Amino acid sequence: MISNNIFDLTGKVAAVIGGASGIGEAVTRGAAAMGATVICLDVKADVAETVAKKIGGTTTSGALDITDAAAVERTMAEINAKYGHLDIVISTPSINVRKKMLDYLPGEIERVLNVNIIGNFNVLRAAGRIMVPQRKGSIVLFSSIRSLVVEPGQAVYSATKAGILQLARGGATEFGPSGVRVNCVGPGVVETPLTAPIKANADWYNAYAAKNAFNRWASPDEMVGPTLFLASDAASYVTGTIIYADGGWLAQDGRFTPPGM
């Protein structure tokens, strides 16, 4: 039955990982505004606590490093035990070592894989272990336009973003029979702490802005709508897919407008 509140998250418990800054902070605020009980989780526990206190209401916080599989399992289990259910898990963390492949140093590829692939796998598995038995839930991972397109210095990061999408698809196929949905958001260029070095270089920043149809970067707040759509009952038949919130980046194959157009 269609209702006027299919986007409402009232009564749902949502864990937002990476919620202390950037897209994660925006999603934490957005989920709380839509009525969810939100747990803001981050490696920076003090910042997560500040975010949660600023939001107020039922929003709480906690420390979580997604590369620590035992900690992820324990945290998800504690949330489930406290509230009796866990409806939404959103995982935003990623890191990037922006170097050409020939310049990678020993240990650097492992750092990126450990957070982006193993860390997000830890989240997906821990959330699935709770949601599959309860036969409901929505998991949202963060991929990127880099799951499809790449540039020099982005090979490893791009490979992990494609991998995150495939993890989500795998989770969707395995958890789907139990009513659990798994999807991805694929941002374009968003002004976050991760992209601060690009913003500091005017030519680089402007080139990225010119690559999408809007000729600008996104704010973290512009990732909230796509994320919470996937988290909400409005996306009840959506699983195993990705929403690219990229300002039209992937729709354009060049920056030149032919004469007379």
Protein backbone atom coordinates (compact mmCIF):
# COMPACT_ATOMS: atom_id res chain seq x y z
CA MET A 1 0.00 0.00 0.00
CA ILE A 2 1.34 3.42 -0.97
CA SER A 3 1.36 5.96 1.85
CA ASN A 4 2.63 9.48 2.30
CA ASN A 5 5.30 8.43 4.78
CA ILE A 6 7.26 5.71 2.96
CA PHE A 7 10.45 7.71 3.58
CA ASP A 8 9.75 8.00 7.31
CA LEU A 9 12.27 6.23 9.56
CA THR A 10 10.32 6.55 12.80
CA GLY A 11 10.75 3.46 14.94
CA LYS A 12 13.82 2.26 13.02
CA VAL A 13 17.27 1.83 14.56
CA ALA A 14 20.09 2.98 12.30
CA ALA A 15 23.84 2.58 12.76
CA VAL A 16 25.82 5.09 10.70
CA ILE A 17 29.51 4.21 10.50
CA GLY A 18 31.88 7.06 9.73
CA GLY A 19 29.26 9.36 11.18
CA ALA A 20 31.62 11.90 12.72
CA SER A 21 32.42 13.85 9.56
CA GLY A 22 31.69 14.41 5.88
CA ILE A 23 29.00 12.31 4.26
CA GLY A 24 28.60 10.17 7.35
CA GLU A 25 27.85 13.15 9.56
CA ALA A 26 25.31 14.46 7.05
CA VAL A 27 23.62 11.05 6.88
CA THR A 28 23.55 10.83 10.68
CA ARG A 29 21.77 14.17 10.88
CA GLY A 30 19.43 13.24 8.05
CA ALA A 31 18.44 9.88 9.51
CA ALA A 32 17.72 11.50 12.87
CA ALA A 33 15.61 14.18 11.17
CA MET A 34 13.59 11.42 9.48
CA GLY A 35 12.76 9.93 12.87
CA ALA A 36 15.32 7.14 13.26
CA THR A 37 17.11 6.26 16.46
CA VAL A 38 20.68 6.76 15.24
CA ILE A 39 23.95 5.45 16.60
CA CYS A 40 26.82 7.56 15.23
CA LEU A 41 29.90 5.34 15.04
CA ASP A 42 33.42 6.44 14.14
CA VAL A 43 37.08 5.76 14.86
CA LYS A 44 37.09 9.27 16.32
CA ALA A 45 34.82 8.56 19.27
CA ASP A 46 35.08 12.05 20.73
CA VAL A 47 33.98 13.69 17.49
CA ALA A 48 31.15 11.19 17.08
CA GLU A 49 29.98 12.04 20.59
CA THR A 50 30.01 15.75 19.76
CA VAL A 51 27.92 15.12 16.63
CA ALA A 52 25.42 12.99 18.56
CA LYS A 53 25.07 15.53 21.34
CA LYS A 54 24.53 18.31 18.84
CA ILE A 55 21.73 16.35 17.17
CA GLY A 56 20.20 15.37 20.50
CA GLY A 57 17.04 13.35 20.90
CA THR A 58 17.64 9.62 20.68
CA THR A 59 20.95 9.94 18.81
CA THR A 60 23.89 8.29 20.56
CA SER A 61 27.48 7.55 19.61
CA GLY A 62 30.26 5.01 19.92
CA ALA A 63 33.75 4.11 18.79
CA LEU A 64 34.22 1.71 15.89
CA ASP A 65 37.11 0.74 13.64
CA ILE A 66 35.69 -1.31 10.77
CA THR A 67 39.02 -3.10 10.27
CA ASP A 68 38.52 -4.75 13.68
CA ALA A 69 36.15 -7.58 12.81
CA ALA A 70 35.52 -8.57 16.42
CA ALA A 71 34.68 -4.99 17.35
CA VAL A 72 32.25 -4.69 14.44
CA GLU A 73 30.49 -7.91 15.45
CA ARG A 74 30.36 -6.83 19.09
CA THR A 75 29.06 -3.35 18.33
CA MET A 76 26.29 -4.57 16.04
CA ALA A 77 25.29 -7.20 18.61
CA GLU A 78 25.23 -4.63 21.42
CA ILE A 79 22.97 -2.31 19.41
CA ASN A 80 20.64 -5.19 18.62
CA ALA A 81 20.55 -6.27 22.26
CA LYS A 82 19.85 -2.74 23.49
CA TYR A 83 17.03 -1.91 21.08
CA GLY A 84 15.74 -5.36 20.19
CA HIS A 85 16.32 -4.83 16.48
CA LEU A 86 18.71 -3.27 13.99
CA ASP A 87 16.99 -1.97 10.88
CA ILE A 88 19.57 0.08 9.01
CA VAL A 89 23.36 -0.06 8.75
CA ILE A 90 25.14 2.56 6.65
CA SER A 91 28.91 2.32 6.13
CA THR A 92 30.72 5.35 4.69
CA PRO A 93 34.45 4.89 5.55
CA SER A 94 37.12 4.60 2.86
CA ILE A 95 40.71 5.68 2.48
CA ASN A 96 42.77 6.50 -0.59
CA VAL A 97 46.48 6.40 -1.26
CA ARG A 98 46.54 8.50 -4.41
CA LYS A 99 49.62 7.26 -6.27
CA LYS A 100 50.45 5.70 -9.61
CA MET A 101 50.84 1.95 -9.32
CA LEU A 102 54.59 2.06 -9.95
CA ASP A 103 55.00 4.46 -7.02
CA TYR A 104 53.16 2.39 -4.41
CA LEU A 105 55.30 1.55 -1.39
CA PRO A 106 55.23 -1.71 0.59
CA GLY A 107 52.18 -1.82 2.82
CA GLU A 108 50.21 0.94 1.09
CA ILE A 109 47.95 -1.30 -0.97
CA GLU A 110 47.25 -3.34 2.15
CA ARG A 111 46.14 -0.19 3.99
CA VAL A 112 43.58 0.65 1.32
CA LEU A 113 42.31 -2.92 0.98
CA ASN A 114 42.08 -3.35 4.75
CA VAL A 115 39.68 -0.43 5.18
CA ASN A 116 37.80 -0.36 1.91
CA ILE A 117 37.33 -4.07 1.25
CA ILE A 118 37.93 -6.00 4.45
CA GLY A 119 36.41 -3.29 6.64
CA ASN A 120 33.24 -3.02 4.61
CA PHE A 121 33.04 -6.81 4.42
CA ASN A 122 33.20 -6.89 8.22
CA VAL A 123 30.26 -4.48 8.38
CA LEU A 124 28.23 -6.35 5.79
CA ARG A 125 28.75 -9.68 7.53
CA ALA A 126 28.03 -8.40 11.04
CA ALA A 127 24.88 -6.60 9.92
CA GLY A 128 23.75 -9.64 7.95
CA ARG A 129 24.15 -11.92 10.95
CA ILE A 130 21.59 -9.82 12.80
CA MET A 131 19.25 -8.90 9.96
CA VAL A 132 18.93 -12.31 8.32
CA PRO A 133 17.46 -13.99 11.44
CA GLN A 134 15.12 -11.03 12.03
CA ARG A 135 14.15 -11.25 8.33
CA LYS A 136 14.34 -7.55 7.62
CA GLY A 137 16.83 -4.73 7.28
CA SER A 138 18.69 -2.45 4.89
CA ILE A 139 22.45 -2.20 4.48
CA VAL A 140 23.95 0.68 2.49
CA LEU A 141 27.63 0.69 1.53
CA PHE A 142 29.50 3.50 -0.18
CA SER A 143 31.03 2.86 -3.56
CA SER A 144 31.90 5.67 -6.03
CA ILE A 145 31.98 6.71 -9.65
CA ARG A 146 35.44 5.14 -9.44
CA SER A 147 33.76 1.75 -9.54
CA LEU A 148 33.37 2.43 -13.28
CA VAL A 149 35.92 5.06 -14.29
CA VAL A 150 39.51 5.65 -13.29
CA GLU A 151 42.33 8.15 -13.67
CA PRO A 152 46.08 8.04 -12.98
CA GLY A 153 46.76 7.51 -9.30
CA GLN A 154 43.36 5.96 -8.61
CA ALA A 155 43.82 2.34 -9.69
CA VAL A 156 43.82 0.81 -6.21
CA TYR A 157 41.05 3.02 -4.85
CA SER A 158 38.93 2.35 -7.95
CA ALA A 159 39.46 -1.39 -7.63
CA THR A 160 38.21 -1.28 -4.04
CA LYS A 161 35.17 0.78 -4.96
CA ALA A 162 34.26 -1.76 -7.62
CA GLY A 163 34.84 -4.43 -5.01
CA ILE A 164 32.49 -2.74 -2.54
CA LEU A 165 29.76 -2.76 -5.17
CA GLN A 166 30.30 -6.46 -5.77
CA LEU A 167 30.22 -7.14 -2.02
CA ALA A 168 26.85 -5.39 -1.91
CA ARG A 169 25.56 -7.42 -4.83
CA GLY A 170 26.76 -10.61 -3.20
CA GLY A 171 25.11 -9.65 0.07
CA ALA A 172 21.89 -8.84 -1.78
CA THR A 173 21.75 -12.28 -3.36
CA GLU A 174 22.55 -14.11 -0.12
CA PHE A 175 20.42 -12.04 2.27
CA GLY A 176 17.53 -11.31 -0.10
CA PRO A 177 15.57 -14.51 0.61
CA SER A 178 15.36 -13.32 4.22
CA GLY A 179 14.03 -9.91 3.25
CA VAL A 180 17.29 -8.03 3.80
CA ARG A 181 18.33 -5.45 1.21
CA VAL A 182 21.91 -4.42 0.36
CA ASN A 183 22.73 -1.49 -1.92
CA CYS A 184 25.38 1.12 -2.65
CA VAL A 185 25.56 4.86 -3.10
CA GLY A 186 28.10 6.00 -5.69
CA PRO A 187 29.07 9.63 -5.09
CA GLY A 188 30.86 11.82 -7.58
CA VAL A 189 33.04 14.61 -6.25
CA VAL A 190 31.94 15.66 -2.78
CA GLU A 191 33.56 18.24 -0.52
CA THR A 192 34.72 16.11 2.41
CA PRO A 193 37.92 15.77 4.46
CA LEU A 194 39.03 13.02 2.03
CA THR A 195 38.93 15.44 -0.91
CA ALA A 196 40.42 18.44 0.92
CA PRO A 197 43.79 18.14 -0.91
CA ILE A 198 41.96 18.54 -4.23
CA LYS A 199 40.07 21.59 -3.06
CA ALA A 200 43.40 23.16 -2.10
CA ASN A 201 44.49 23.01 -5.77
CA ALA A 202 42.29 25.40 -7.77
CA ASP A 203 43.04 23.88 -11.19
CA TRP A 204 42.36 20.37 -9.97
CA TYR A 205 39.21 21.40 -8.13
CA ASN A 206 37.84 23.31 -11.12
CA ALA A 207 38.64 20.48 -13.55
CA TYR A 208 36.58 18.07 -11.49
CA ALA A 209 33.74 20.58 -11.27
CA ALA A 210 33.76 20.97 -15.06
CA LYS A 211 33.54 17.21 -15.59
CA ASN A 212 29.95 16.87 -14.38
CA ALA A 213 26.75 18.31 -15.83
CA PHE A 214 26.21 20.73 -12.94
CA ASN A 215 29.72 22.18 -13.17
CA ARG A 216 30.14 22.02 -9.41
CA TRP A 217 31.01 19.75 -6.54
CA ALA A 218 28.40 18.21 -4.26
CA SER A 219 27.98 18.99 -0.60
CA PRO A 220 27.76 16.07 1.87
CA ASP A 221 24.09 16.95 2.43
CA GLU A 222 23.35 16.03 -1.18
CA MET A 223 24.27 12.41 -0.44
CA VAL A 224 21.63 12.15 2.30
CA GLY A 225 18.60 11.75 0.03
CA PRO A 226 19.96 8.85 -2.06
CA THR A 227 21.26 7.12 1.07
CA LEU A 228 18.07 7.39 3.09
CA PHE A 229 15.97 6.41 0.09
CA LEU A 230 17.85 3.11 0.00
CA ALA A 231 17.53 2.77 3.76
CA SER A 232 13.81 3.47 3.83
CA ASP A 233 10.71 1.47 2.96
CA ALA A 234 10.47 3.58 -0.20
CA ALA A 235 13.13 1.24 -1.60
CA SER A 236 11.43 -1.95 -0.42
CA TYR A 237 11.99 -3.66 -3.80
CA VAL A 238 15.46 -2.23 -4.44
CA THR A 239 18.47 -4.43 -3.73
CA GLY A 240 21.80 -5.34 -5.26
CA THR A 241 22.18 -2.05 -7.07
CA ILE A 242 23.85 1.34 -6.87
CA ILE A 243 22.59 4.90 -7.08
CA TYR A 244 25.19 7.17 -8.66
CA ALA A 245 24.84 10.63 -7.11
CA ASP A 246 27.44 12.16 -9.38
CA GLY A 247 25.91 15.30 -10.90
CA GLY A 248 25.97 13.62 -14.31
CA TRP A 249 29.69 12.79 -14.28
CA LEU A 250 29.19 9.33 -15.78
CA ALA A 251 26.70 10.61 -18.36
CA GLN A 252 29.26 12.80 -20.09
CA ASP A 253 32.07 11.48 -22.26
CA GLY A 254 33.85 14.78 -22.77
CA ARG A 255 33.95 18.49 -22.01
CA PHE A 256 33.71 19.89 -25.53
CA THR A 257 30.41 21.17 -26.88
CA PRO A 258 30.39 20.90 -30.70
CA PRO A 259 29.83 24.11 -32.68
CA GLY A 260 26.20 25.00 -33.22
CA MET A 261 24.97 23.02 -30.26
